[in-house]
C-alpha atoms as a PDB file:
ATOM      1  CA  MET A   1       0.047   0.196   0.064  1.00  0.00           C
ATOM      2  CA  ALA A   2       1.628   3.533  -1.037  1.00  0.00           C
ATOM      3  CA  ASN A   3       2.346   5.379   1.869  1.00  0.00           C
ATOM      4  CA  THR A   4       2.063   9.060   0.913  1.00  0.00           C
ATOM      5  CA  ARG A   5      -1.051  11.258  -0.635  1.00  0.00           C
ATOM      6  CA  SER A   6       1.157  10.771  -4.164  1.00  0.00           C
ATOM      7  CA  ALA A   7       2.165   7.469  -4.474  1.00  0.00           C
ATOM      8  CA  THR A   8      -1.673   7.148  -3.635  1.00  0.00           C
ATOM      9  CA  LYS A   9      -2.899   9.135  -6.320  1.00  0.00           C
ATOM     10  CA  ARG A  10      -0.477   7.651  -8.394  1.00  0.00           C
ATOM     11  CA  ALA A  11      -2.335   4.515  -7.499  1.00  0.00           C
ATOM     12  CA  ARG A  12      -5.587   6.025  -8.115  1.00  0.00           C
ATOM     13  CA  GLN A  13      -4.430   7.185 -11.324  1.00  0.00           C
ATOM     14  CA  SER A  14      -2.772   3.620 -12.627  1.00  0.00           C
ATOM     15  CA  MET A  15      -6.506   1.787 -11.719  1.00  0.00           C
ATOM     16  CA  ALA A  16      -7.993   4.321 -13.870  1.00  0.00           C
ATOM     17  CA  ARG A  17      -6.191   4.742 -16.857  1.00  0.00           C
ATOM     18  CA  SER A  18      -5.589   0.563 -17.298  1.00  0.00           C
ATOM     19  CA  ARG A  19      -9.454   0.259 -17.389  1.00  0.00           C
ATOM     20  CA  HIS A  20      -9.165   2.652 -19.282  1.00  0.00           C
ATOM     21  CA  ASN A  21      -6.746   0.944 -22.119  1.00  0.00           C
ATOM     22  CA  ARG A  22      -8.416  -1.967 -21.638  1.00  0.00           C
ATOM     23  CA  GLY A  23     -11.123  -0.971 -22.770  1.00  0.00           C
ATOM     24  CA  VAL A  24      -9.609  -0.068 -25.627  1.00  0.00           C
ATOM     25  CA  ARG A  25      -7.790  -3.049 -26.654  1.00  0.00           C
ATOM     26  CA  THR A  26     -10.635  -4.906 -25.940  1.00  0.00           C
ATOM     27  CA  ARG A  27     -12.521  -2.197 -28.949  1.00  0.00           C
ATOM     28  CA  LEU A  28      -9.665  -3.176 -30.886  1.00  0.00           C
ATOM     29  CA  ARG A  29      -9.338  -6.976 -30.648  1.00  0.00           C
ATOM     30  CA  THR A  30     -13.590  -6.808 -31.344  1.00  0.00           C
ATOM     31  CA  LEU A  31     -12.881  -4.324 -34.180  1.00  0.00           C
ATOM     32  CA  GLN A  32      -9.989  -6.209 -36.066  1.00  0.00           C
ATOM     33  CA  LYS A  33     -12.273  -9.784 -35.178  1.00  0.00           C
ATOM     34  CA  ARG A  34     -15.741  -8.400 -36.749  1.00  0.00           C
ATOM     35  CA  ALA A  35     -12.941  -7.657 -39.611  1.00  0.00           C
ATOM     36  CA  ARG A  36     -11.213 -10.650 -40.366  1.00  0.00           C
ATOM     37  CA  ALA A  37     -14.652 -13.154 -40.489  1.00  0.00           C
ATOM     38  CA  ALA A  38     -16.251 -10.280 -42.819  1.00  0.00           C
ATOM     39  CA  ALA A  39     -16.476 -11.868 -46.408  1.00  0.00           C
ATOM     40  CA  LYS A  40     -16.424  -9.188 -47.885  1.00  0.00           C
ATOM     41  CA  PRO A  41     -15.335  -6.892 -45.115  1.00  0.00           C
ATOM     42  CA  ASP A  42     -16.956  -3.812 -45.409  1.00  0.00           C
ATOM     43  CA  PRO A  43     -14.885   0.162 -45.684  1.00  0.00           C
ATOM     44  CA  LYS A  44     -16.957   2.238 -42.931  1.00  0.00           C
ATOM     45  CA  GLU A  45     -15.708  -0.762 -40.667  1.00  0.00           C
ATOM     46  CA  ILE A  46     -11.991  -1.056 -42.114  1.00  0.00           C
ATOM     47  CA  HIS A  47     -11.914   2.451 -41.897  1.00  0.00           C
ATOM     48  CA  ALA A  48     -12.787   2.835 -37.882  1.00  0.00           C
ATOM     49  CA  LEU A  49     -10.337   0.150 -37.621  1.00  0.00           C
ATOM     50  CA  ILE A  50      -7.892   1.147 -38.256  1.00  0.00           C
ATOM     51  CA  SER A  51      -8.723   4.949 -37.117  1.00  0.00           C
ATOM     52  CA  ALA A  52      -8.941   3.895 -34.035  1.00  0.00           C
ATOM     53  CA  LEU A  53      -5.395   2.043 -33.911  1.00  0.00           C
ATOM     54  CA  ASP A  54      -3.785   5.497 -35.294  1.00  0.00           C
ATOM     55  CA  LYS A  55      -5.835   6.663 -32.150  1.00  0.00           C
ATOM     56  CA  ALA A  56      -4.759   3.963 -29.790  1.00  0.00           C
ATOM     57  CA  ALA A  57      -1.071   4.320 -31.199  1.00  0.00           C
ATOM     58  CA  LYS A  58      -1.408   8.097 -31.099  1.00  0.00           C
ATOM     59  CA  ARG A  59      -1.877   7.977 -27.112  1.00  0.00           C
ATOM     60  CA  GLY A  60       0.767   4.656 -26.674  1.00  0.00           C
ATOM     61  CA  ILE A  61      -1.838   1.897 -25.783  1.00  0.00           C
ATOM     62  CA  ILE A  62       0.080   0.182 -27.920  1.00  0.00           C
ATOM     63  CA  HIS A  63       2.912   0.281 -29.725  1.00  0.00           C
ATOM     64  CA  ARG A  64       3.323   2.879 -32.823  1.00  0.00           C
ATOM     65  CA  ASN A  65       4.702  -0.515 -34.491  1.00  0.00           C
ATOM     66  CA  ALA A  66       2.283  -2.392 -33.469  1.00  0.00           C
ATOM     67  CA  ALA A  67      -0.773  -0.241 -34.868  1.00  0.00           C
ATOM     68  CA  ASN A  68       1.428   0.081 -38.546  1.00  0.00           C
ATOM     69  CA  HIS A  69       1.402  -3.306 -39.576  1.00  0.00           C
ATOM     70  CA  ARG A  70      -2.058  -4.292 -37.676  1.00  0.00           C
ATOM     71  CA  LYS A  71      -2.810  -1.904 -40.387  1.00  0.00           C
ATOM     72  CA  ALA A  72      -0.236  -3.620 -43.036  1.00  0.00           C
ATOM     73  CA  ARG A  73      -2.418  -6.931 -42.301  1.00  0.00           C
ATOM     74  CA  LEU A  74      -5.625  -5.109 -42.826  1.00  0.00           C
ATOM     75  CA  ASN A  75      -4.623  -3.988 -46.390  1.00  0.00           C
ATOM     76  CA  LYS A  76      -3.260  -7.424 -47.087  1.00  0.00           C
ATOM     77  CA  ILE A  77      -6.862  -8.502 -46.263  1.00  0.00           C
ATOM     78  CA  ILE A  78      -7.778  -5.812 -48.500  1.00  0.00           C
ATOM     79  CA  ALA A  79      -7.040  -6.776 -51.609  1.00  0.00           C
ATOM     80  CA  ALA A  80      -7.546 -10.239 -51.208  1.00  0.00           C
ATOM     81  CA  ALA A  81     -11.073  -8.690 -50.968  1.00  0.00           C
ATOM     82  CA  ARG A  82     -11.066  -6.870 -54.059  1.00  0.00           C
ATOM     83  CA  LYS A  83      -9.091 -10.424 -56.402  1.00  0.00           C
END
């Protein structure tokens, strides 16, 4: 347990941030599964997923290279669907 007021506050902030970040990561996973499972991916869903990945990377929730990696996979799926 924290011994000082500042350490107690930091613990509260850390818990709040981790709760928020967990929700964002869960939403990303859901959007990715939906995009991959679709026979013909919806462009609006793909656009929403790319936007969510960029926002998560910008805010430090996921690493920016991880976001780029996931977007590259998405682009491969889109290219395959067009053929």
